[in-house]
Amino acid sequence: MSRKLEVPVLANAVNTNASGELNFIMSVAMFGQLLRDSDFKGDASYAKVLELARKGLNDDPNGYRREFIRLVEAVQQLQK
């Protein structure tokens, strides 16, 4: 039998020394929240998305992460 379990994660509890991979994953999730104008986006911003994504550029053999950053920059410019 399974049951739903929800555990909130507070912003101050997030590890600031996260790996580059985790930073990039967080940037993609945050970008999705911004695009949807989600009620759960908190204080997310395109600047924060770019900051996290750039921390995750260490392993990008095909250039997909750099392309993601260019996409975020383009959307950021459209929002101005």
PDB file of N, CA and C in Angstrom:
ATOM      1  N   MET A   1       0.851  -1.164   0.000  1.00  0.00           N
ATOM      2  CA  MET A   1       0.000   0.000   0.000  1.00  0.00           C
ATOM      3  C   MET A   1       0.902   1.234   0.000  1.00  0.00           C
ATOM      4  N   SER A   2       0.586   2.198  -0.831  1.00  0.00           N
ATOM      5  CA  SER A   2       1.366   3.426  -0.865  1.00  0.00           C
ATOM      6  C   SER A   2       0.536   4.584  -0.334  1.00  0.00           C
ATOM      7  N   ARG A   3       1.221   5.616   0.108  1.00  0.00           N
ATOM      8  CA  ARG A   3       0.527   6.811   0.575  1.00  0.00           C
ATOM      9  C   ARG A   3       1.376   8.014   0.215  1.00  0.00           C
ATOM     10  N   LYS A   4       0.708   9.097  -0.029  1.00  0.00           N
ATOM     11  CA  LYS A   4       1.375  10.323  -0.438  1.00  0.00           C
ATOM     12  C   LYS A   4       2.077  10.947   0.763  1.00  0.00           C
ATOM     13  N   LEU A   5       3.313  11.397   0.545  1.00  0.00           N
ATOM     14  CA  LEU A   5       4.092  12.044   1.588  1.00  0.00           C
ATOM     15  C   LEU A   5       4.660  13.326   1.012  1.00  0.00           C
ATOM     16  N   GLU A   6       4.371  14.440   1.639  1.00  0.00           N
ATOM     17  CA  GLU A   6       4.892  15.726   1.187  1.00  0.00           C
ATOM     18  C   GLU A   6       5.800  16.303   2.262  1.00  0.00           C
ATOM     19  N   VAL A   7       6.985  16.732   1.823  1.00  0.00           N
ATOM     20  CA  VAL A   7       7.945  17.332   2.742  1.00  0.00           C
ATOM     21  C   VAL A   7       8.414  18.642   2.128  1.00  0.00           C
ATOM     22  N   PRO A   8       8.102  19.779   2.756  1.00  0.00           N
ATOM     23  CA  PRO A   8       8.536  21.063   2.198  1.00  0.00           C
ATOM     24  C   PRO A   8      10.047  21.241   2.335  1.00  0.00           C
ATOM     25  N   VAL A   9      10.654  21.884   1.356  1.00  0.00           N
ATOM     26  CA  VAL A   9      12.072  22.211   1.394  1.00  0.00           C
ATOM     27  C   VAL A   9      12.176  23.719   1.463  1.00  0.00           C
ATOM     28  N   LEU A  10      12.734  24.207   2.533  1.00  0.00           N
ATOM     29  CA  LEU A  10      12.859  25.645   2.717  1.00  0.00           C
ATOM     30  C   LEU A  10      14.051  26.173   1.934  1.00  0.00           C
ATOM     31  N   ALA A  11      13.918  27.402   1.428  1.00  0.00           N
ATOM     32  CA  ALA A  11      14.971  27.998   0.604  1.00  0.00           C
ATOM     33  C   ALA A  11      16.301  28.057   1.340  1.00  0.00           C
ATOM     34  N   ASN A  12      16.285  28.343   2.630  1.00  0.00           N
ATOM     35  CA  ASN A  12      17.545  28.440   3.358  1.00  0.00           C
ATOM     36  C   ASN A  12      18.147  27.071   3.659  1.00  0.00           C
ATOM     37  N   ALA A  13      17.434  26.012   3.369  1.00  0.00           N
ATOM     38  CA  ALA A  13      17.946  24.665   3.604  1.00  0.00           C
ATOM     39  C   ALA A  13      18.620  24.080   2.366  1.00  0.00           C
ATOM     40  N   VAL A  14      18.566  24.792   1.238  1.00  0.00           N
ATOM     41  CA  VAL A  14      19.160  24.300  -0.005  1.00  0.00           C
ATOM     42  C   VAL A  14      20.673  24.413   0.083  1.00  0.00           C
ATOM     43  N   ASN A  15      21.361  23.374  -0.322  1.00  0.00           N
ATOM     44  CA  ASN A  15      22.820  23.355  -0.290  1.00  0.00           C
ATOM     45  C   ASN A  15      23.367  24.317  -1.331  1.00  0.00           C
ATOM     46  N   THR A  16      24.109  25.327  -0.896  1.00  0.00           N
ATOM     47  CA  THR A  16      24.667  26.308  -1.826  1.00  0.00           C
ATOM     48  C   THR A  16      25.894  25.767  -2.546  1.00  0.00           C
ATOM     49  N   ASN A  17      26.410  24.623  -2.121  1.00  0.00           N
ATOM     50  CA  ASN A  17      27.557  24.007  -2.760  1.00  0.00           C
ATOM     51  C   ASN A  17      27.129  22.853  -3.661  1.00  0.00           C
ATOM     52  N   ALA A  18      26.004  23.003  -4.307  1.00  0.00           N
ATOM     53  CA  ALA A  18      25.467  21.947  -5.157  1.00  0.00           C
ATOM     54  C   ALA A  18      26.383  21.726  -6.360  1.00  0.00           C
ATOM     55  N   SER A  19      26.331  20.533  -6.905  1.00  0.00           N
ATOM     56  CA  SER A  19      27.146  20.208  -8.073  1.00  0.00           C
ATOM     57  C   SER A  19      26.673  21.004  -9.281  1.00  0.00           C
ATOM     58  N   GLY A  20      27.516  21.083 -10.285  1.00  0.00           N
ATOM     59  CA  GLY A  20      27.151  21.775 -11.509  1.00  0.00           C
ATOM     60  C   GLY A  20      25.937  21.152 -12.175  1.00  0.00           C
ATOM     61  N   GLU A  21      25.877  19.830 -12.100  1.00  0.00           N
ATOM     62  CA  GLU A  21      24.744  19.109 -12.687  1.00  0.00           C
ATOM     63  C   GLU A  21      23.435  19.503 -12.005  1.00  0.00           C
ATOM     64  N   LEU A  22      23.441  19.546 -10.678  1.00  0.00           N
ATOM     65  CA  LEU A  22      22.242  19.911  -9.928  1.00  0.00           C
ATOM     66  C   LEU A  22      21.872  21.371 -10.172  1.00  0.00           C
ATOM     67  N   ASN A  23      22.864  22.239 -10.256  1.00  0.00           N
ATOM     68  CA  ASN A  23      22.580  23.651 -10.548  1.00  0.00           C
ATOM     69  C   ASN A  23      21.881  23.793 -11.891  1.00  0.00           C
ATOM     70  N   PHE A  24      22.368  23.047 -12.891  1.00  0.00           N
ATOM     71  CA  PHE A  24      21.744  23.147 -14.212  1.00  0.00           C
ATOM     72  C   PHE A  24      20.315  22.621 -14.176  1.00  0.00           C
ATOM     73  N   ILE A  25      20.107  21.509 -13.506  1.00  0.00           N
ATOM     74  CA  ILE A  25      18.759  20.936 -13.389  1.00  0.00           C
ATOM     75  C   ILE A  25      17.821  21.924 -12.701  1.00  0.00           C
ATOM     76  N   MET A  26      18.304  22.580 -11.633  1.00  0.00           N
ATOM     77  CA  MET A  26      17.477  23.566 -10.935  1.00  0.00           C
ATOM     78  C   MET A  26      17.149  24.746 -11.838  1.00  0.00           C
ATOM     79  N   SER A  27      18.100  25.144 -12.687  1.00  0.00           N
ATOM     80  CA  SER A  27      17.847  26.275 -13.586  1.00  0.00           C
ATOM     81  C   SER A  27      16.755  25.935 -14.599  1.00  0.00           C
ATOM     82  N   VAL A  28      16.752  24.710 -15.100  1.00  0.00           N
ATOM     83  CA  VAL A  28      15.730  24.294 -16.067  1.00  0.00           C
ATOM     84  C   VAL A  28      14.348  24.279 -15.410  1.00  0.00           C
ATOM     85  N   ALA A  29      14.280  23.753 -14.189  1.00  0.00           N
ATOM     86  CA  ALA A  29      13.006  23.719 -13.459  1.00  0.00           C
ATOM     87  C   ALA A  29      12.511  25.133 -13.171  1.00  0.00           C
ATOM     88  N   MET A  30      13.417  26.018 -12.756  1.00  0.00           N
ATOM     89  CA  MET A  30      13.046  27.397 -12.450  1.00  0.00           C
ATOM     90  C   MET A  30      12.560  28.116 -13.715  1.00  0.00           C
ATOM     91  N   PHE A  31      13.210  27.861 -14.832  1.00  0.00           N
ATOM     92  CA  PHE A  31      12.806  28.469 -16.103  1.00  0.00           C
ATOM     93  C   PHE A  31      11.389  28.046 -16.474  1.00  0.00           C
ATOM     94  N   GLY A  32      11.075  26.778 -16.279  1.00  0.00           N
ATOM     95  CA  GLY A  32       9.724  26.293 -16.549  1.00  0.00           C
ATOM     96  C   GLY A  32       8.689  26.986 -15.677  1.00  0.00           C
ATOM     97  N   GLN A  33       9.019  27.199 -14.419  1.00  0.00           N
ATOM     98  CA  GLN A  33       8.099  27.885 -13.515  1.00  0.00           C
ATOM     99  C   GLN A  33       7.876  29.333 -13.972  1.00  0.00           C
ATOM    100  N   LEU A  34       8.925  29.985 -14.423  1.00  0.00           N
ATOM    101  CA  LEU A  34       8.793  31.365 -14.906  1.00  0.00           C
ATOM    102  C   LEU A  34       7.951  31.423 -16.180  1.00  0.00           C
ATOM    103  N   LEU A  35       8.186  30.492 -17.095  1.00  0.00           N
ATOM    104  CA  LEU A  35       7.426  30.491 -18.350  1.00  0.00           C
ATOM    105  C   LEU A  35       5.934  30.287 -18.105  1.00  0.00           C
ATOM    106  N   ARG A  36       5.605  29.472 -17.114  1.00  0.00           N
ATOM    107  CA  ARG A  36       4.199  29.199 -16.799  1.00  0.00           C
ATOM    108  C   ARG A  36       3.611  30.249 -15.869  1.00  0.00           C
ATOM    109  N   ASP A  37       4.448  31.186 -15.394  1.00  0.00           N
ATOM    110  CA  ASP A  37       4.034  32.169 -14.393  1.00  0.00           C
ATOM    111  C   ASP A  37       3.374  31.456 -13.219  1.00  0.00           C
ATOM    112  N   SER A  38       4.051  30.414 -12.752  1.00  0.00           N
ATOM    113  CA  SER A  38       3.532  29.545 -11.699  1.00  0.00           C
ATOM    114  C   SER A  38       3.381  30.283 -10.373  1.00  0.00           C
ATOM    115  N   ASP A  39       2.377  29.906  -9.628  1.00  0.00           N
ATOM    116  CA  ASP A  39       2.189  30.446  -8.284  1.00  0.00           C
ATOM    117  C   ASP A  39       3.314  29.995  -7.355  1.00  0.00           C
ATOM    118  N   PHE A  40       4.051  28.988  -7.749  1.00  0.00           N
ATOM    119  CA  PHE A  40       5.096  28.416  -6.912  1.00  0.00           C
ATOM    120  C   PHE A  40       6.496  28.881  -7.300  1.00  0.00           C
ATOM    121  N   LYS A  41       6.591  29.892  -8.146  1.00  0.00           N
ATOM    122  CA  LYS A  41       7.911  30.336  -8.608  1.00  0.00           C
ATOM    123  C   LYS A  41       8.687  31.112  -7.556  1.00  0.00           C
ATOM    124  N   GLY A  42       8.011  31.574  -6.520  1.00  0.00           N
ATOM    125  CA  GLY A  42       8.698  32.282  -5.450  1.00  0.00           C
ATOM    126  C   GLY A  42       9.397  33.523  -5.953  1.00  0.00           C
ATOM    127  N   ASP A  43      10.671  33.672  -5.623  1.00  0.00           N
ATOM    128  CA  ASP A  43      11.425  34.848  -6.058  1.00  0.00           C
ATOM    129  C   ASP A  43      12.324  34.530  -7.252  1.00  0.00           C
ATOM    130  N   ALA A  44      11.932  33.555  -8.041  1.00  0.00           N
ATOM    131  CA  ALA A  44      12.704  33.161  -9.219  1.00  0.00           C
ATOM    132  C   ALA A  44      12.771  34.315 -10.213  1.00  0.00           C
ATOM    133  N   SER A  45      13.874  34.372 -10.932  1.00  0.00           N
ATOM    134  CA  SER A  45      14.051  35.390 -11.966  1.00  0.00           C
ATOM    135  C   SER A  45      14.908  34.795 -13.082  1.00  0.00           C
ATOM    136  N   TYR A  46      14.880  35.449 -14.233  1.00  0.00           N
ATOM    137  CA  TYR A  46      15.698  34.971 -15.342  1.00  0.00           C
ATOM    138  C   TYR A  46      17.179  35.103 -14.998  1.00  0.00           C
ATOM    139  N   ALA A  47      17.531  36.119 -14.234  1.00  0.00           N
ATOM    140  CA  ALA A  47      18.924  36.285 -13.811  1.00  0.00           C
ATOM    141  C   ALA A  47      19.379  35.099 -12.961  1.00  0.00           C
ATOM    142  N   LYS A  48      18.510  34.618 -12.075  1.00  0.00           N
ATOM    143  CA  LYS A  48      18.846  33.459 -11.249  1.00  0.00           C
ATOM    144  C   LYS A  48      18.946  32.201 -12.101  1.00  0.00           C
ATOM    145  N   VAL A  49      18.065  32.069 -13.082  1.00  0.00           N
ATOM    146  CA  VAL A  49      18.127  30.918 -13.995  1.00  0.00           C
ATOM    147  C   VAL A  49      19.472  30.906 -14.702  1.00  0.00           C
ATOM    148  N   LEU A  50      19.888  32.059 -15.212  1.00  0.00           N
ATOM    149  CA  LEU A  50      21.158  32.136 -15.927  1.00  0.00           C
ATOM    150  C   LEU A  50      22.345  31.859 -15.006  1.00  0.00           C
ATOM    151  N   GLU A  51      22.281  32.356 -13.801  1.00  0.00           N
ATOM    152  CA  GLU A  51      23.364  32.126 -12.844  1.00  0.00           C
ATOM    153  C   GLU A  51      23.537  30.637 -12.556  1.00  0.00           C
ATOM    154  N   LEU A  52      22.431  29.969 -12.291  1.00  0.00           N
ATOM    155  CA  LEU A  52      22.493  28.529 -12.019  1.00  0.00           C
ATOM    156  C   LEU A  52      22.933  27.742 -13.246  1.00  0.00           C
ATOM    157  N   ALA A  53      22.405  28.104 -14.407  1.00  0.00           N
ATOM    158  CA  ALA A  53      22.744  27.371 -15.634  1.00  0.00           C
ATOM    159  C   ALA A  53      24.229  27.511 -15.957  1.00  0.00           C
ATOM    160  N   ARG A  54      24.779  28.682 -15.749  1.00  0.00           N
ATOM    161  CA  ARG A  54      26.208  28.891 -16.039  1.00  0.00           C
ATOM    162  C   ARG A  54      27.094  28.089 -15.094  1.00  0.00           C
ATOM    163  N   LYS A  55      26.618  27.829 -13.881  1.00  0.00           N
ATOM    164  CA  LYS A  55      27.380  27.001 -12.947  1.00  0.00           C
ATOM    165  C   LYS A  55      27.420  25.545 -13.406  1.00  0.00           C
ATOM    166  N   GLY A  56      26.509  25.173 -14.297  1.00  0.00           N
ATOM    167  CA  GLY A  56      26.440  23.796 -14.770  1.00  0.00           C
ATOM    168  C   GLY A  56      26.996  23.586 -16.153  1.00  0.00           C
ATOM    169  N   LEU A  57      27.819  24.503 -16.636  1.00  0.00           N
ATOM    170  CA  LEU A  57      28.362  24.393 -17.994  1.00  0.00           C
ATOM    171  C   LEU A  57      29.598  23.503 -18.100  1.00  0.00           C
ATOM    172  N   ASN A  58      30.068  22.956 -17.002  1.00  0.00           N
ATOM    173  CA  ASN A  58      31.328  22.226 -17.028  1.00  0.00           C
ATOM    174  C   ASN A  58      31.332  21.011 -17.945  1.00  0.00           C
ATOM    175  N   ASP A  59      30.206  20.378 -18.170  1.00  0.00           N
ATOM    176  CA  ASP A  59      30.159  19.190 -19.023  1.00  0.00           C
ATOM    177  C   ASP A  59      29.066  19.379 -20.077  1.00  0.00           C
ATOM    178  N   ASP A  60      29.449  19.956 -21.224  1.00  0.00           N
ATOM    179  CA  ASP A  60      28.479  20.255 -22.277  1.00  0.00           C
ATOM    180  C   ASP A  60      29.070  19.912 -23.650  1.00  0.00           C
ATOM    181  N   PRO A  61      29.307  18.618 -23.906  1.00  0.00           N
ATOM    182  CA  PRO A  61      29.994  18.232 -25.146  1.00  0.00           C
ATOM    183  C   PRO A  61      29.227  18.572 -26.428  1.00  0.00           C
ATOM    184  N   ASN A  62      27.907  18.592 -26.384  1.00  0.00           N
ATOM    185  CA  ASN A  62      27.124  18.864 -27.588  1.00  0.00           C
ATOM    186  C   ASN A  62      26.601  20.295 -27.655  1.00  0.00           C
ATOM    187  N   GLY A  63      26.852  21.096 -26.636  1.00  0.00           N
ATOM    188  CA  GLY A  63      26.446  22.492 -26.649  1.00  0.00           C
ATOM    189  C   GLY A  63      24.992  22.731 -26.280  1.00  0.00           C
ATOM    190  N   TYR A  64      24.308  21.700 -25.774  1.00  0.00           N
ATOM    191  CA  TYR A  64      22.894  21.860 -25.429  1.00  0.00           C
ATOM    192  C   TYR A  64      22.695  22.821 -24.272  1.00  0.00           C
ATOM    193  N   ARG A  65      23.577  22.808 -23.317  1.00  0.00           N
ATOM    194  CA  ARG A  65      23.435  23.704 -22.167  1.00  0.00           C
ATOM    195  C   ARG A  65      23.679  25.154 -22.571  1.00  0.00           C
ATOM    196  N   ARG A  66      24.641  25.366 -23.437  1.00  0.00           N
ATOM    197  CA  ARG A  66      24.877  26.722 -23.941  1.00  0.00           C
ATOM    198  C   ARG A  66      23.668  27.207 -24.752  1.00  0.00           C
ATOM    199  N   GLU A  67      23.075  26.315 -25.485  1.00  0.00           N
ATOM    200  CA  GLU A  67      21.867  26.662 -26.246  1.00  0.00           C
ATOM    201  C   GLU A  67      20.725  27.017 -25.296  1.00  0.00           C
ATOM    202  N   PHE A  68      20.598  26.301 -24.194  1.00  0.00           N
ATOM    203  CA  PHE A  68      19.583  26.625 -23.191  1.00  0.00           C
ATOM    204  C   PHE A  68      19.822  28.031 -22.652  1.00  0.00           C
ATOM    205  N   ILE A  69      21.061  28.372 -22.375  1.00  0.00           N
ATOM    206  CA  ILE A  69      21.378  29.708 -21.871  1.00  0.00           C
ATOM    207  C   ILE A  69      21.005  30.767 -22.899  1.00  0.00           C
ATOM    208  N   ARG A  70      21.276  30.527 -24.163  1.00  0.00           N
ATOM    209  CA  ARG A  70      20.886  31.482 -25.216  1.00  0.00           C
ATOM    210  C   ARG A  70      19.361  31.637 -25.278  1.00  0.00           C
ATOM    211  N   LEU A  71      18.636  30.540 -25.086  1.00  0.00           N
ATOM    212  CA  LEU A  71      17.179  30.587 -25.078  1.00  0.00           C
ATOM    213  C   LEU A  71      16.669  31.428 -23.909  1.00  0.00           C
ATOM    214  N   VAL A  72      17.225  31.222 -22.730  1.00  0.00           N
ATOM    215  CA  VAL A  72      16.813  31.998 -21.551  1.00  0.00           C
ATOM    216  C   VAL A  72      17.122  33.479 -21.769  1.00  0.00           C
ATOM    217  N   GLU A  73      18.270  33.793 -22.336  1.00  0.00           N
ATOM    218  CA  GLU A  73      18.631  35.191 -22.596  1.00  0.00           C
ATOM    219  C   GLU A  73      17.658  35.830 -23.577  1.00  0.00           C
ATOM    220  N   ALA A  74      17.235  35.076 -24.592  1.00  0.00           N
ATOM    221  CA  ALA A  74      16.275  35.598 -25.567  1.00  0.00           C
ATOM    222  C   ALA A  74      14.923  35.879 -24.910  1.00  0.00           C
ATOM    223  N   VAL A  75      14.451  34.958 -24.088  1.00  0.00           N
ATOM    224  CA  VAL A  75      13.171  35.146 -23.391  1.00  0.00           C
ATOM    225  C   VAL A  75      13.276  36.323 -22.425  1.00  0.00           C
ATOM    226  N   GLN A  76      14.403  36.446 -21.764  1.00  0.00           N
ATOM    227  CA  GLN A  76      14.609  37.562 -20.833  1.00  0.00           C
ATOM    228  C   GLN A  76      14.503  38.897 -21.567  1.00  0.00           C
ATOM    229  N   GLN A  77      15.073  38.964 -22.758  1.00  0.00           N
ATOM    230  CA  GLN A  77      15.003  40.200 -23.548  1.00  0.00           C
ATOM    231  C   GLN A  77      13.561  40.499 -23.977  1.00  0.00           C
ATOM    232  N   LEU A  78      12.786  39.478 -24.269  1.00  0.00           N
ATOM    233  CA  LEU A  78      11.379  39.679 -24.661  1.00  0.00           C
ATOM    234  C   LEU A  78      10.535  40.187 -23.513  1.00  0.00           C
ATOM    235  N   GLN A  79      10.921  39.865 -22.289  1.00  0.00           N
ATOM    236  CA  GLN A  79      10.156  40.274 -21.118  1.00  0.00           C
ATOM    237  C   GLN A  79      10.381  41.733 -20.755  1.00  0.00           C
ATOM    238  N   LYS A  80      11.393  42.361 -21.315  1.00  0.00           N
ATOM    239  CA  LYS A  80      11.701  43.765 -20.987  1.00  0.00           C
ATOM    240  C   LYS A  80      10.794  44.723 -21.706  1.00  0.00           C
TER     241      LYS A  80
END
